[in-house]
């Protein structure tokens, strides 16, 4: 998934599935419930346990690319 600086997603969780992201390009800000905010960049791997609220935003001056490893048709619950 590619996003421009300032783009991201809304705070949400996946009740039954964990999610793993591989950061391929750019700089990202993550909020993960219970862990707080963190910044990650190319080469980082981010793990989000199932049923954990999280939010992702592309930051910096260039588009970012992230790759999700998860199950198909994952349920999203938004806060």
Protein backbone atom coordinates (compact mmCIF):
# COMPACT_ATOMS: atom_id res chain seq x y z
CA UNK A 1 0.00 0.00 0.00
CA UNK A 2 1.36 3.44 -0.94
CA UNK A 3 0.30 6.63 0.84
CA UNK A 4 1.33 10.26 0.67
CA UNK A 5 2.63 12.21 3.68
CA UNK A 6 -0.28 12.97 6.00
CA UNK A 7 -2.38 10.05 4.74
CA UNK A 8 -3.19 7.04 6.88
CA UNK A 9 -6.10 5.21 8.40
CA UNK A 10 -8.57 5.67 11.24
CA UNK A 11 -8.10 4.16 14.68
CA UNK A 12 -9.29 0.55 14.42
CA UNK A 13 -8.73 -3.04 15.52
CA UNK A 14 -9.15 -6.57 14.14
CA UNK A 15 -10.94 -8.64 16.82
CA UNK A 16 -9.83 -12.08 15.64
CA UNK A 17 -6.62 -11.59 13.66
CA UNK A 18 -3.13 -10.24 14.36
CA UNK A 19 -1.51 -8.07 11.70
CA UNK A 20 2.11 -7.61 10.64
CA UNK A 21 3.43 -4.78 8.47
CA UNK A 22 6.73 -4.60 6.58
CA UNK A 23 7.86 -1.03 5.87
CA UNK A 24 9.28 -0.85 2.35
CA UNK A 25 9.70 2.91 1.93
CA UNK A 26 9.24 6.18 3.78
CA UNK A 27 8.62 7.13 7.37
CA UNK A 28 5.50 6.18 9.34
CA UNK A 29 3.96 7.04 12.69
CA UNK A 30 2.13 4.19 14.43
CA UNK A 31 -0.11 4.26 17.44
CA UNK A 32 -0.60 0.84 19.01
CA UNK A 33 -2.85 0.49 22.05
CA UNK A 34 -0.77 -0.32 25.13
CA UNK A 35 2.48 0.75 23.40
CA UNK A 36 1.78 4.36 22.44
CA UNK A 37 3.28 6.20 19.46
CA UNK A 38 6.36 5.10 17.55
CA UNK A 39 8.08 6.07 14.32
CA UNK A 40 9.29 3.44 11.87
CA UNK A 41 11.04 3.52 8.52
CA UNK A 42 12.29 1.31 5.69
CA UNK A 43 13.20 -2.18 6.88
CA UNK A 44 11.05 -2.06 10.02
CA UNK A 45 8.52 -4.75 10.88
CA UNK A 46 5.50 -3.80 12.98
CA UNK A 47 3.38 -6.43 14.74
CA UNK A 48 -0.10 -5.62 16.00
CA UNK A 49 -1.76 -8.26 18.23
CA UNK A 50 -5.36 -9.22 17.53
CA UNK A 51 -8.04 -7.07 19.18
CA UNK A 52 -5.60 -4.14 19.62
CA UNK A 53 -6.49 -0.63 18.45
CA UNK A 54 -3.93 0.91 16.10
CA UNK A 55 -3.56 3.79 13.65
CA UNK A 56 -1.00 4.44 10.92
CA UNK A 57 0.06 7.75 9.31
CA UNK A 58 2.67 8.39 6.64
CA UNK A 59 5.01 11.17 7.81
CA UNK A 60 8.04 12.85 6.28
CA UNK A 61 8.44 14.39 2.83
CA UNK A 62 7.92 11.45 0.48
CA UNK A 63 5.30 8.77 -0.15
CA UNK A 64 5.57 5.66 1.97
CA UNK A 65 4.99 2.02 1.06
CA UNK A 66 3.93 -0.65 3.58
CA UNK A 67 3.05 -4.31 3.04
CA UNK A 68 0.50 -6.10 5.22
CA UNK A 69 0.73 -9.74 6.27
CA UNK A 70 -2.65 -10.85 7.59
CA UNK A 71 -5.66 -13.03 6.82
CA UNK A 72 -8.07 -12.26 3.96
CA UNK A 73 -11.33 -10.42 4.65
CA UNK A 74 -10.24 -9.13 8.05
CA UNK A 75 -12.96 -7.51 10.17
CA UNK A 76 -12.31 -3.84 11.03
CA UNK A 77 -13.82 -2.27 14.17
CA UNK A 78 -13.43 1.52 14.20
CA UNK A 79 -13.29 3.67 17.31
